Protein backbone atom coordinates (compact mmCIF):
# COMPACT_ATOMS: atom_id res chain seq x y z
CA MET A 1 29.99 41.51 -78.48
CA GLU A 2 31.34 42.64 -81.84
CA GLN A 3 33.09 40.18 -84.11
CA THR A 4 36.12 42.52 -84.06
CA ASP A 5 36.66 41.60 -80.42
CA PRO A 6 39.44 38.96 -80.39
CA ARG A 7 37.44 36.87 -77.91
CA ALA A 8 34.84 36.38 -80.64
CA TRP A 9 37.25 35.38 -83.41
CA ARG A 10 36.36 32.37 -85.51
CA ARG A 11 38.17 30.68 -88.35
CA ASP A 12 35.39 31.88 -90.64
CA PRO A 13 33.78 35.03 -89.11
CA GLU A 14 31.38 35.39 -92.04
CA SER A 15 29.68 32.15 -90.94
CA ALA A 16 28.87 33.27 -87.41
CA ASN A 17 25.12 32.83 -87.86
CA ALA A 18 25.21 30.06 -90.44
CA GLY A 19 22.33 27.69 -89.87
CA PHE A 20 21.04 29.43 -86.77
CA SER A 21 18.17 31.73 -85.95
CA ASP A 22 18.63 35.48 -86.28
CA LEU A 23 17.38 35.61 -82.69
CA ALA A 24 20.81 34.40 -81.56
CA THR A 25 22.69 37.70 -81.64
CA SER A 26 25.54 36.86 -79.28
CA PRO A 27 28.41 34.95 -80.91
CA PHE A 28 28.80 33.04 -77.65
CA ARG A 29 25.16 32.01 -77.58
CA ILE A 30 25.58 30.75 -81.14
CA ASP A 31 28.47 28.65 -79.85
CA ARG A 32 26.29 27.24 -77.10
CA ASP A 33 23.64 26.30 -79.66
CA ARG A 34 26.20 24.64 -81.95
CA ILE A 35 27.47 22.51 -79.08
CA ALA A 36 23.96 21.54 -77.99
CA ALA A 37 23.09 20.57 -81.59
CA SER A 38 26.18 18.40 -82.01
CA PRO A 39 25.77 14.62 -82.29
CA PHE A 40 28.76 14.34 -79.96
CA PHE A 41 26.67 16.11 -77.31
CA ALA A 42 23.62 13.89 -77.89
CA ARG A 43 25.89 10.86 -77.61
CA LEU A 44 26.66 11.74 -73.98
CA GLY A 45 23.22 10.41 -73.03
CA GLY A 46 24.63 6.92 -73.60
CA VAL A 47 27.95 7.39 -71.81
CA THR A 48 28.57 6.34 -68.22
CA GLN A 49 29.16 8.96 -65.54
CA VAL A 50 30.30 6.46 -62.86
CA VAL A 51 28.34 3.26 -63.54
CA SER A 52 25.72 2.42 -66.13
CA ALA A 53 22.19 3.35 -65.20
CA GLY A 54 20.94 0.23 -66.95
CA GLY A 55 18.16 2.22 -68.59
CA ALA A 56 16.47 2.97 -65.26
CA GLY A 57 17.14 6.70 -65.48
CA LEU A 58 18.15 6.89 -61.81
CA LEU A 59 21.83 7.67 -62.37
CA HIS A 60 23.40 10.63 -64.08
CA ASN A 61 25.00 10.03 -67.45
CA ARG A 62 27.45 12.42 -69.09
CA LEU A 63 24.62 14.34 -70.76
CA THR A 64 22.57 15.05 -67.64
CA HIS A 65 25.78 15.81 -65.75
CA SER A 66 26.83 18.33 -68.43
CA LEU A 67 23.43 20.03 -68.33
CA LYS A 68 23.70 20.48 -64.57
CA VAL A 69 27.27 21.75 -64.81
CA ALA A 70 26.07 24.31 -67.35
CA GLN A 71 23.25 25.36 -65.02
CA VAL A 72 25.65 25.86 -62.09
CA ALA A 73 28.24 27.61 -64.29
CA ARG A 74 25.71 30.16 -65.51
CA ALA A 75 24.64 30.86 -61.92
CA ILE A 76 28.28 31.41 -60.92
CA ALA A 77 29.00 33.70 -63.88
CA GLU A 78 25.89 35.77 -63.22
CA ARG A 79 26.84 36.03 -59.56
CA ILE A 80 30.28 37.35 -60.50
CA ASN A 81 28.80 39.95 -62.83
CA ALA A 82 26.33 41.06 -60.15
CA SER A 83 29.22 42.24 -57.98
CA SER A 84 30.94 45.35 -59.34
CA ASP A 85 34.29 44.45 -57.75
CA SER A 86 34.25 40.86 -59.05
CA ALA A 87 33.04 41.94 -62.48
CA GLU A 88 35.78 44.57 -62.75
CA LEU A 89 38.52 42.11 -61.79
CA ALA A 90 37.13 39.44 -64.13
CA ALA A 91 37.13 41.94 -67.00
CA LYS A 92 40.80 42.77 -66.37
CA LEU A 93 41.61 39.05 -66.46
CA GLY A 94 39.87 38.53 -69.81
CA GLY A 95 36.13 38.51 -69.14
CA CYS A 96 33.37 36.39 -67.66
CA ASP A 97 30.42 36.04 -70.02
CA PRO A 98 27.63 33.70 -68.80
CA ASP A 99 27.08 32.38 -72.33
CA VAL A 100 30.76 31.45 -72.62
CA ALA A 101 30.74 29.67 -69.26
CA GLU A 102 27.56 27.81 -70.17
CA ALA A 103 28.84 26.80 -73.61
CA ALA A 104 32.15 25.53 -72.19
CA SER A 105 30.27 23.53 -69.57
CA LEU A 106 28.13 21.84 -72.22
CA ALA A 107 31.31 20.97 -74.14
CA HIS A 108 33.59 19.95 -71.28
CA ASP A 109 32.76 16.21 -71.38
CA LEU A 110 32.35 15.73 -75.15
CA GLY A 111 35.56 13.73 -75.30
CA HIS A 112 34.72 11.22 -72.60
CA PRO A 113 34.86 7.70 -74.09
CA PRO A 114 32.58 4.76 -73.26
CA PHE A 115 32.58 3.65 -69.61
CA GLY A 116 33.66 6.91 -68.02
CA HIS A 117 37.11 7.44 -66.51
CA LEU A 118 37.84 3.72 -66.77
CA GLY A 119 37.55 3.96 -70.57
CA GLU A 120 39.76 7.06 -70.54
CA GLN A 121 42.54 5.31 -68.63
CA THR A 122 42.35 2.24 -70.85
CA LEU A 123 42.50 4.21 -74.10
CA ASP A 124 45.43 6.27 -72.80
CA ARG A 125 47.40 3.13 -72.00
CA ILE A 126 46.59 1.62 -75.41
CA ALA A 127 47.41 4.84 -77.28
CA ARG A 128 50.83 5.14 -75.66
CA HIS A 129 51.90 1.51 -75.45
CA ARG A 130 50.29 -0.07 -78.52
CA PHE A 131 50.33 2.82 -80.99
CA GLY A 132 53.31 4.82 -79.70
CA LEU A 133 51.34 8.08 -79.38
CA ALA A 134 53.21 10.34 -76.96
CA ASP A 135 49.99 12.34 -76.43
CA GLY A 136 48.14 9.18 -75.50
CA PHE A 137 44.48 9.83 -74.78
CA GLU A 138 42.95 12.39 -72.42
CA GLY A 139 39.25 13.20 -72.17
CA ASN A 140 39.76 16.98 -71.96
CA ALA A 141 42.13 17.02 -74.95
CA GLN A 142 39.63 14.85 -76.82
CA SER A 143 36.87 17.39 -76.10
CA PHE A 144 39.06 20.14 -77.58
CA ARG A 145 39.82 17.93 -80.59
CA ILE A 146 36.10 17.39 -81.18
CA ILE A 147 35.13 21.07 -81.10
CA THR A 148 38.07 22.12 -83.30
CA THR A 149 38.61 19.14 -85.62
CA THR A 150 36.48 15.99 -85.67
CA ASP A 151 32.98 17.42 -85.40
CA VAL A 152 31.69 18.56 -88.78
CA ARG A 153 28.82 20.89 -87.85
CA GLY A 154 30.85 24.05 -88.41
CA PRO A 155 30.67 25.76 -91.83
CA SER A 156 34.07 24.38 -92.91
CA ALA A 157 33.22 20.80 -91.82
CA SER A 158 36.21 20.93 -89.47
CA GLY A 159 35.09 21.33 -85.88
CA LEU A 160 32.35 23.68 -84.75
CA ASP A 161 34.11 26.97 -85.60
CA LEU A 162 33.65 28.29 -82.07
CA THR A 163 34.87 31.65 -80.82
CA THR A 164 38.24 31.93 -79.14
CA ALA A 165 36.59 32.71 -75.79
CA VAL A 166 34.63 29.45 -75.75
CA ARG A 167 37.56 27.40 -77.01
CA ALA A 168 39.74 28.90 -74.27
CA ALA A 169 37.07 28.24 -71.66
CA VAL A 170 37.05 24.53 -72.56
CA LEU A 171 40.78 24.36 -71.72
CA LYS A 172 40.47 23.12 -68.14
CA TYR A 173 44.16 22.19 -68.16
CA PRO A 174 45.64 24.82 -70.53
CA TRP A 175 48.76 22.97 -71.61
CA ALA A 176 49.74 20.03 -73.81
CA ARG A 177 51.05 16.77 -72.38
CA LEU A 178 54.61 17.81 -73.23
CA HIS A 179 56.48 21.01 -74.13
CA VAL A 180 53.66 23.59 -74.45
CA PRO A 181 53.75 26.13 -72.92
CA ASP A 182 57.45 26.60 -72.23
CA PRO A 183 58.36 26.32 -69.40
CA HIS A 184 55.94 23.44 -69.00
CA PRO A 185 53.78 23.24 -65.84
CA THR A 186 55.38 19.90 -64.93
CA SER A 187 58.61 21.82 -64.21
CA MET A 188 57.01 24.35 -61.85
CA PRO A 189 57.93 24.19 -58.12
CA VAL A 190 54.21 24.24 -57.29
CA GLN A 191 52.43 22.46 -60.10
CA PRO A 192 48.90 23.38 -61.20
CA ARG A 193 46.27 20.78 -60.40
CA GLY A 194 46.54 17.98 -62.96
CA ALA A 195 50.00 18.93 -64.22
CA ALA A 196 52.01 16.41 -62.20
CA GLU A 197 53.40 13.40 -64.04
CA PRO A 198 51.67 10.11 -63.18
CA ALA A 199 53.54 8.27 -60.43
CA ASP A 200 53.49 5.02 -62.41
CA ALA A 201 54.71 6.62 -65.66
CA PRO A 202 57.45 9.20 -64.98
CA GLY A 203 58.70 11.07 -68.01
CA THR A 204 55.41 10.82 -69.91
CA GLY A 205 54.30 14.40 -69.28
CA ALA A 206 51.34 15.87 -67.44
CA SER A 207 48.65 13.56 -66.08
CA LYS A 208 45.91 15.89 -67.31
CA PHE A 209 46.05 18.25 -70.28
CA SER A 210 43.68 19.84 -72.77
CA ALA A 211 45.29 19.76 -76.22
CA TYR A 212 47.04 17.18 -78.39
CA SER A 213 49.93 18.19 -80.66
CA THR A 214 47.54 18.13 -83.64
CA GLU A 215 45.41 20.93 -82.13
CA LEU A 216 48.18 23.28 -80.96
CA ASP A 217 47.34 25.92 -83.60
CA ASP A 218 43.78 26.16 -82.27
CA PHE A 219 45.12 26.10 -78.71
CA THR A 220 47.46 29.02 -79.42
CA GLN A 221 44.79 31.06 -81.18
CA ALA A 222 42.28 30.47 -78.37
CA ARG A 223 44.75 31.63 -75.73
CA ALA A 224 46.04 34.67 -77.68
CA PRO A 225 43.44 37.22 -76.42
CA PHE A 226 44.49 36.43 -72.83
CA ASP A 227 48.22 37.01 -73.29
CA GLY A 228 49.42 39.46 -70.65
CA ARG A 229 46.21 39.08 -68.63
CA ILE A 230 46.80 35.62 -67.13
CA GLU A 231 49.80 33.31 -66.90
CA PRO A 232 50.34 30.87 -69.81
CA TRP A 233 49.39 27.92 -67.58
CA GLN A 234 46.37 29.54 -65.91
CA GLN A 235 42.73 28.93 -66.77
CA THR A 236 40.70 31.82 -68.10
CA VAL A 237 38.09 33.04 -65.62
CA GLU A 238 35.39 31.35 -67.71
CA ALA A 239 37.33 28.07 -67.68
CA SER A 240 37.60 28.38 -63.89
CA VAL A 241 33.83 28.91 -63.73
CA MET A 242 33.31 25.70 -65.72
CA ASP A 243 35.85 23.80 -63.60
CA THR A 244 34.31 24.95 -60.31
CA ALA A 245 30.80 24.16 -61.54
CA ASP A 246 32.00 20.68 -62.53
CA ASP A 247 33.39 20.14 -59.02
CA ILE A 248 30.16 21.31 -57.42
CA ALA A 249 27.94 19.13 -59.61
CA TYR A 250 30.18 16.10 -59.13
CA ALA A 251 30.33 16.56 -55.35
CA ILE A 252 26.55 16.73 -54.99
CA HIS A 253 24.84 14.82 -57.77
CA ASP A 254 26.84 11.60 -57.66
CA LEU A 255 26.09 11.30 -53.94
CA GLN A 256 22.40 11.73 -54.77
CA ASP A 257 22.59 8.97 -57.37
CA PHE A 258 24.08 6.34 -55.11
CA HIS A 259 21.78 7.27 -52.26
CA ARG A 260 18.81 6.75 -54.56
CA ILE A 261 19.87 3.24 -55.62
CA GLY A 262 20.86 2.16 -52.12
CA VAL A 263 24.63 1.88 -52.66
CA LEU A 264 25.56 4.74 -50.33
CA GLN A 265 24.58 3.33 -46.94
CA HIS A 266 24.24 5.29 -43.71
CA ALA A 267 25.98 2.88 -41.33
CA PRO A 268 29.51 2.68 -42.80
CA VAL A 269 29.60 6.40 -43.64
CA ALA A 270 28.37 7.32 -40.15
CA ALA A 271 30.98 5.04 -38.57
CA GLU A 272 33.78 6.74 -40.53
CA PHE A 273 32.68 10.23 -39.52
CA SER A 274 32.08 9.30 -35.88
CA GLY A 275 35.43 7.52 -35.74
CA TRP A 276 37.26 10.63 -36.86
CA VAL A 277 35.29 13.16 -34.80
CA ASP A 278 35.56 11.10 -31.61
CA HIS A 279 39.27 10.29 -31.97
CA ALA A 280 40.70 13.14 -34.05
CA LEU A 281 43.56 13.90 -31.66
CA ASP A 282 44.59 10.26 -31.32
CA LEU A 283 44.45 9.75 -35.09
CA ALA A 284 46.56 12.85 -35.68
CA GLY A 285 49.28 11.25 -33.55
CA LEU A 286 49.54 8.08 -35.62
CA ASP A 287 52.45 7.73 -38.01
CA ASP A 288 51.65 7.32 -41.71
CA ALA A 289 52.57 3.62 -41.79
CA THR A 290 50.22 2.77 -38.94
CA LEU A 291 47.46 4.86 -40.44
CA THR A 292 47.81 3.05 -43.76
CA ALA A 293 47.87 -0.37 -42.09
CA GLU A 294 44.68 0.49 -40.17
CA ARG A 295 42.96 2.18 -43.14
CA ARG A 296 39.86 -0.03 -42.90
CA LEU A 297 39.12 1.08 -39.35
CA PRO A 298 36.61 3.94 -38.88
CA GLY A 299 38.08 7.44 -38.99
CA ARG A 300 41.35 6.48 -40.64
CA SER A 301 40.28 7.41 -44.16
CA LEU A 302 39.21 10.91 -43.13
CA GLU A 303 42.52 11.39 -41.36
CA ARG A 304 44.37 10.31 -44.48
CA LEU A 305 42.31 12.85 -46.45
CA ARG A 306 43.30 15.61 -44.02
CA ARG A 307 46.97 14.76 -44.44
CA ARG A 308 46.76 14.59 -48.24
CA MET A 309 45.16 18.02 -48.27
CA HIS A 310 48.03 19.41 -46.18
CA ALA A 311 50.57 17.83 -48.52
CA LYS A 312 48.98 19.11 -51.75
CA ASP A 313 47.05 22.26 -50.89
CA GLY A 314 48.88 24.12 -48.15
CA TRP A 315 47.75 27.37 -49.82
CA ILE A 316 44.23 26.94 -48.40
CA VAL A 317 43.99 23.91 -46.09
CA ASP A 318 43.12 24.70 -42.48
CA ASP A 319 42.38 22.18 -39.72
CA ASP A 320 39.60 24.25 -38.19
CA ALA A 321 37.92 24.61 -41.60
CA PHE A 322 38.34 20.87 -42.18
CA THR A 323 36.74 20.07 -38.82
CA SER A 324 33.83 22.40 -39.60
CA ALA A 325 33.39 20.82 -43.04
CA VAL A 326 33.31 17.33 -41.52
CA ALA A 327 30.71 18.50 -39.01
CA ARG A 328 28.50 20.09 -41.67
CA VAL A 329 28.64 17.11 -44.04
CA ARG A 330 28.00 14.76 -41.13
CA ALA A 331 24.93 16.71 -40.05
CA GLU A 332 23.38 17.29 -43.46
CA LEU A 333 24.45 14.25 -45.49
CA VAL A 334 25.21 11.44 -43.05
CA ASP A 335 22.75 12.11 -40.23
CA GLY A 336 20.32 13.90 -42.53
CA LEU A 337 19.83 12.52 -46.02
CA LEU A 338 21.40 9.06 -45.58
CA ALA A 339 19.83 8.38 -42.19
CA THR A 340 16.32 8.26 -43.63
CA GLY A 341 17.14 6.04 -46.61
CA PHE A 342 15.49 6.32 -50.02
CA ASP A 343 12.26 4.42 -50.57
CA GLY A 344 10.92 6.18 -53.68
CA SER A 345 8.31 8.09 -51.73
CA ILE A 346 7.42 11.73 -52.28
CA GLU A 347 9.08 12.55 -48.98
CA ALA A 348 12.31 10.83 -50.05
CA GLU A 349 12.32 12.64 -53.38
CA GLN A 350 11.73 15.96 -51.64
CA ALA A 351 14.55 15.31 -49.21
CA THR A 352 16.95 14.49 -52.03
CA ALA A 353 15.93 17.57 -54.02
CA ALA A 354 16.24 19.79 -50.94
CA PHE A 355 19.72 18.44 -50.23
CA SER A 356 20.84 19.19 -53.77
CA SER A 357 19.29 22.66 -53.86
CA LYS A 358 20.67 23.69 -50.47
CA TRP A 359 24.20 22.52 -51.16
CA THR A 360 24.31 23.96 -54.67
CA ALA A 361 23.23 27.36 -53.36
CA ARG A 362 25.77 27.21 -50.54
CA LEU A 363 28.68 26.29 -52.80
CA VAL A 364 27.79 28.81 -55.51
CA ASP A 365 27.58 31.43 -52.76
CA GLY A 366 31.18 30.56 -51.87
CA VAL A 367 32.82 31.54 -55.18
CA GLN A 368 35.23 34.45 -55.36
CA VAL A 369 37.49 36.03 -57.98
CA VAL A 370 41.06 36.59 -56.81
CA ALA A 371 43.82 38.58 -58.51
CA SER A 372 46.79 36.40 -57.50
CA PRO A 373 45.72 32.81 -56.87
CA SER A 374 47.90 29.87 -55.97
CA ALA A 375 49.15 27.80 -58.90
CA ARG A 376 46.88 25.06 -57.55
CA THR A 377 43.69 26.95 -58.39
CA GLY A 378 42.21 29.39 -60.86
CA HIS A 379 41.37 33.07 -60.58
CA LEU A 380 37.90 31.93 -59.61
CA THR A 381 37.91 29.69 -56.59
CA LEU A 382 35.85 28.73 -53.55
CA ARG A 383 36.24 30.37 -50.17
CA PRO A 384 37.99 28.17 -47.58
CA ALA A 385 34.83 26.90 -45.87
CA GLN A 386 33.17 25.76 -49.10
CA TRP A 387 36.45 24.45 -50.56
CA HIS A 388 36.89 22.11 -47.59
CA GLU A 389 33.26 21.01 -47.80
CA VAL A 390 33.68 20.01 -51.47
CA GLN A 391 36.73 17.93 -50.55
CA VAL A 392 34.78 16.09 -47.84
CA LEU A 393 31.77 15.49 -50.10
CA LYS A 394 34.04 14.12 -52.84
CA PHE A 395 35.76 11.94 -50.23
CA VAL A 396 32.46 10.26 -49.36
CA HIS A 397 31.88 9.43 -53.02
CA ARG A 398 35.36 8.05 -53.54
CA ARG A 399 35.62 6.10 -50.29
CA PHE A 400 32.16 4.54 -50.25
CA VAL A 401 31.39 4.20 -53.98
CA LEU A 402 34.45 4.27 -56.23
CA LEU A 403 36.56 1.98 -54.03
CA ARG A 404 33.90 -0.74 -53.71
CA PRO A 405 35.11 -4.18 -54.96
CA GLU A 406 31.89 -4.70 -56.93
CA LEU A 407 32.64 -1.61 -59.02
CA ALA A 408 36.23 -2.72 -59.58
CA LEU A 409 35.00 -6.08 -60.90
CA HIS A 410 32.60 -4.36 -63.29
CA GLN A 411 35.26 -1.94 -64.51
CA ARG A 412 37.87 -4.60 -65.13
CA GLY A 413 35.42 -6.24 -67.52
CA GLN A 414 34.83 -2.93 -69.28
CA ALA A 415 38.59 -2.34 -69.64
CA SER A 416 38.93 -5.75 -71.23
CA LEU A 417 36.08 -4.94 -73.63
CA VAL A 418 37.69 -1.66 -74.77
CA THR A 419 41.07 -3.35 -75.25
CA THR A 420 39.59 -6.19 -77.28
CA LEU A 421 37.58 -3.75 -79.41
CA VAL A 422 40.69 -1.69 -80.23
CA ASP A 423 42.56 -4.87 -81.16
CA ALA A 424 39.76 -5.98 -83.49
CA LEU A 425 39.49 -2.60 -85.23
CA ASP A 426 43.25 -2.33 -85.66
CA ALA A 427 43.36 -5.80 -87.19
CA TRP A 428 40.61 -4.74 -89.61
CA LEU A 429 42.60 -1.66 -90.62
CA LEU A 430 45.63 -3.85 -91.36
CA ASP A 431 43.63 -6.33 -93.44
CA ARG A 432 44.25 -5.26 -97.05
CA ASP A 433 41.40 -7.39 -98.37
CA GLU A 434 38.83 -5.87 -96.00
CA PHE A 435 40.17 -2.31 -95.63
CA TYR A 436 37.68 -0.87 -98.12
CA ARG A 437 34.71 -2.21 -96.14
CA LEU A 438 35.64 -0.28 -93.02
CA PRO A 439 32.91 1.72 -91.29
CA ARG A 440 32.81 5.00 -93.18
CA ARG A 441 33.44 7.04 -90.04
CA LEU A 442 36.58 5.07 -89.23
CA HIS A 443 37.79 5.40 -92.83
CA ASP A 444 37.32 9.18 -92.67
CA LEU A 445 39.16 9.39 -89.35
CA VAL A 446 42.11 7.49 -90.81
CA GLU A 447 42.34 9.98 -93.68
CA LEU A 448 42.04 12.93 -91.28
CA ALA A 449 44.75 11.63 -88.96
CA GLN A 450 47.02 10.79 -91.89
CA SER A 451 46.80 14.37 -93.19
CA GLU A 452 47.40 15.78 -89.70
CA PHE A 453 50.45 13.69 -88.89
CA SER A 454 51.90 14.16 -92.38
CA ALA A 455 51.57 17.93 -91.93
CA LEU A 456 53.29 17.75 -88.54
CA ALA A 457 56.13 15.75 -90.09
CA ARG A 458 56.63 18.52 -92.68
CA THR A 459 56.15 21.64 -90.59
CA SER A 460 56.75 20.74 -86.92
CA PRO A 461 58.76 17.51 -86.74
CA GLU A 462 59.77 18.36 -83.16
CA LEU A 463 56.15 17.71 -82.14
CA LEU A 464 56.05 14.34 -83.87
CA ILE A 465 57.50 12.12 -81.17
CA GLY A 466 56.63 8.62 -80.09
CA ALA A 467 55.77 7.33 -76.65
CA THR A 468 59.49 6.65 -76.04
CA GLY A 469 60.27 10.34 -76.49
CA GLU A 470 62.19 9.77 -79.72
CA PRO A 471 61.32 11.62 -82.96
CA VAL A 472 59.15 9.69 -85.40
CA THR A 473 60.51 9.57 -88.93
CA GLY A 474 59.54 7.73 -92.08
CA ALA A 475 56.22 7.36 -93.86
CA ASP A 476 55.41 3.99 -92.29
CA ALA A 477 55.92 5.30 -88.76
CA VAL A 478 53.74 8.33 -89.50
CA ARG A 479 51.03 6.06 -90.90
CA GLY A 480 51.23 3.95 -87.73
CA LEU A 481 50.63 7.00 -85.53
CA ALA A 482 47.74 8.10 -87.74
CA ARG A 483 46.16 4.65 -87.62
CA GLY A 484 46.40 4.64 -83.83
CA ARG A 485 44.85 8.09 -83.44
CA ALA A 486 42.03 7.17 -85.82
CA VAL A 487 41.16 3.98 -83.91
CA VAL A 488 41.25 5.84 -80.59
CA ASP A 489 39.09 8.67 -82.00
CA PHE A 490 36.60 6.13 -83.30
CA VAL A 491 36.28 4.11 -80.09
CA ALA A 492 36.10 7.29 -78.02
CA SER A 493 33.12 8.48 -80.08
CA LEU A 494 30.96 5.46 -79.19
CA THR A 495 28.34 5.17 -76.48
CA ASP A 496 28.61 2.34 -73.95
CA LYS A 497 26.00 0.32 -75.82
CA GLN A 498 27.57 0.95 -79.21
CA ALA A 499 30.93 -0.33 -77.95
CA VAL A 500 29.33 -3.55 -76.69
CA THR A 501 27.29 -4.02 -79.87
CA LEU A 502 30.25 -3.38 -82.16
CA LEU A 503 32.42 -5.89 -80.32
CA ASP A 504 29.61 -8.46 -80.49
CA GLY A 505 29.56 -7.98 -84.26
CA LEU A 506 33.32 -8.21 -84.67
CA SER A 507 33.51 -11.33 -82.50
CA GLY A 508 30.67 -13.12 -84.31
CA ARG A 509 28.25 -12.98 -81.38
CA ALA A 510 25.73 -10.69 -83.09
CA SER A 511 22.59 -12.38 -84.38
CA GLN A 512 22.01 -9.91 -87.25
CA PRO A 513 24.23 -7.83 -89.56
CA TRP A 514 23.10 -4.46 -88.27
CA SER A 515 21.47 -2.92 -85.24
CA ASP A 516 19.71 0.32 -84.43
CA SER A 517 22.23 0.82 -81.63
CA PHE A 518 25.11 1.20 -84.05
CA VAL A 519 25.23 2.69 -87.53
CA LEU A 520 28.21 1.75 -89.68
């Protein structure tokens, strides 16, 4: 694709091949290589996907997850382009280049902080309540901030200088927390997935979003080539490819992980599925209060899932498709893979690999490009049968892994660690005698955030609001916001082990002044 194509625009088009082999002729393949070469990408090998693998290599981390998402995304994009009808529609909507989809998939988790989604929730709460940042913290917005601002591998030492197509494809939730675009998706009658305000924090903006106020210029530029092709709140086709691939990988690979380490047990999962299949009509007749009160009894959780799907996704949910999905997952996961257990044998490994391969092929085969999708999905979506199957697979993971008390205990400790680490770093920043001995990376992030927030105060003061919704004025208040964003950026850039090691050092528990697990 020529550099004159707006999808290939960069801040510095003359640097398109800077530092890369002449063999990389596609601007989008260059983007993919820049992302793969980034230290933020390498860092994902030390970041939790769900729980720490403890060095055993049996569980996915954010790096291996991203690689598999990229693999699935490329398969989806190539499938779309192999169909003349799908390829023609995708072109009208802005394009579907396999290199773009793959690059966005490699980048989609760059912003995930230590300890997975638990770390994300903790940093968001700290950013809003402690530092007064209306944007808070969001992993997708942090990924966009990394590729446009805080990474330094691009020629201008500000972001990676990626093409507009790849930047747009990283925007899984193409809106800011507040205000942009206008009207904001939170005000829509049917809100896009992720746009609803959190139930426990009304008035704080969208639950999920992909750009902070400091990156709105890059956001606007990335979306510009798609004006008139898709709605302002819709994903590009390539972003939908990445999003769908992420769902597929998550639905399959996390189940594999917890089967391998013996957490996902056959008996309780089988009881839940049998309880629903055998008593579906009776369960459908229960009122919501009774169903909630009896939620620990077999079959009740699947019935609650069915009702939630009706409440949120009436555009696609179908009881016959749900019943078929339950039957398929029961046969192939519950009475197939889980029934035999995992003992480390060649047979067990083959069974796990076959399960993954079969389900990945089936779900990729279910993708379709649609001209007028529901607000709840992208232009690329799954057909009804596969869509319901993904929901049931994800249900098994949530119900029998994420809701386990042992995991909650572990995560509460991690939340406490992140909170204590932020407190210690903030105290260091406020210590005038020790400020000049800050870690160099943290010092640089403070200067970056100070310049960003000062610029917003001068040029776009309407975007410079605190967590209370009131405008932020005065140099001290601006410095406070900058300090908060810098601390959050710094903690979010650590691996799990680095976060633990750094807190040990700051609390006096470290036995030596430096460690190979953390470089100041």
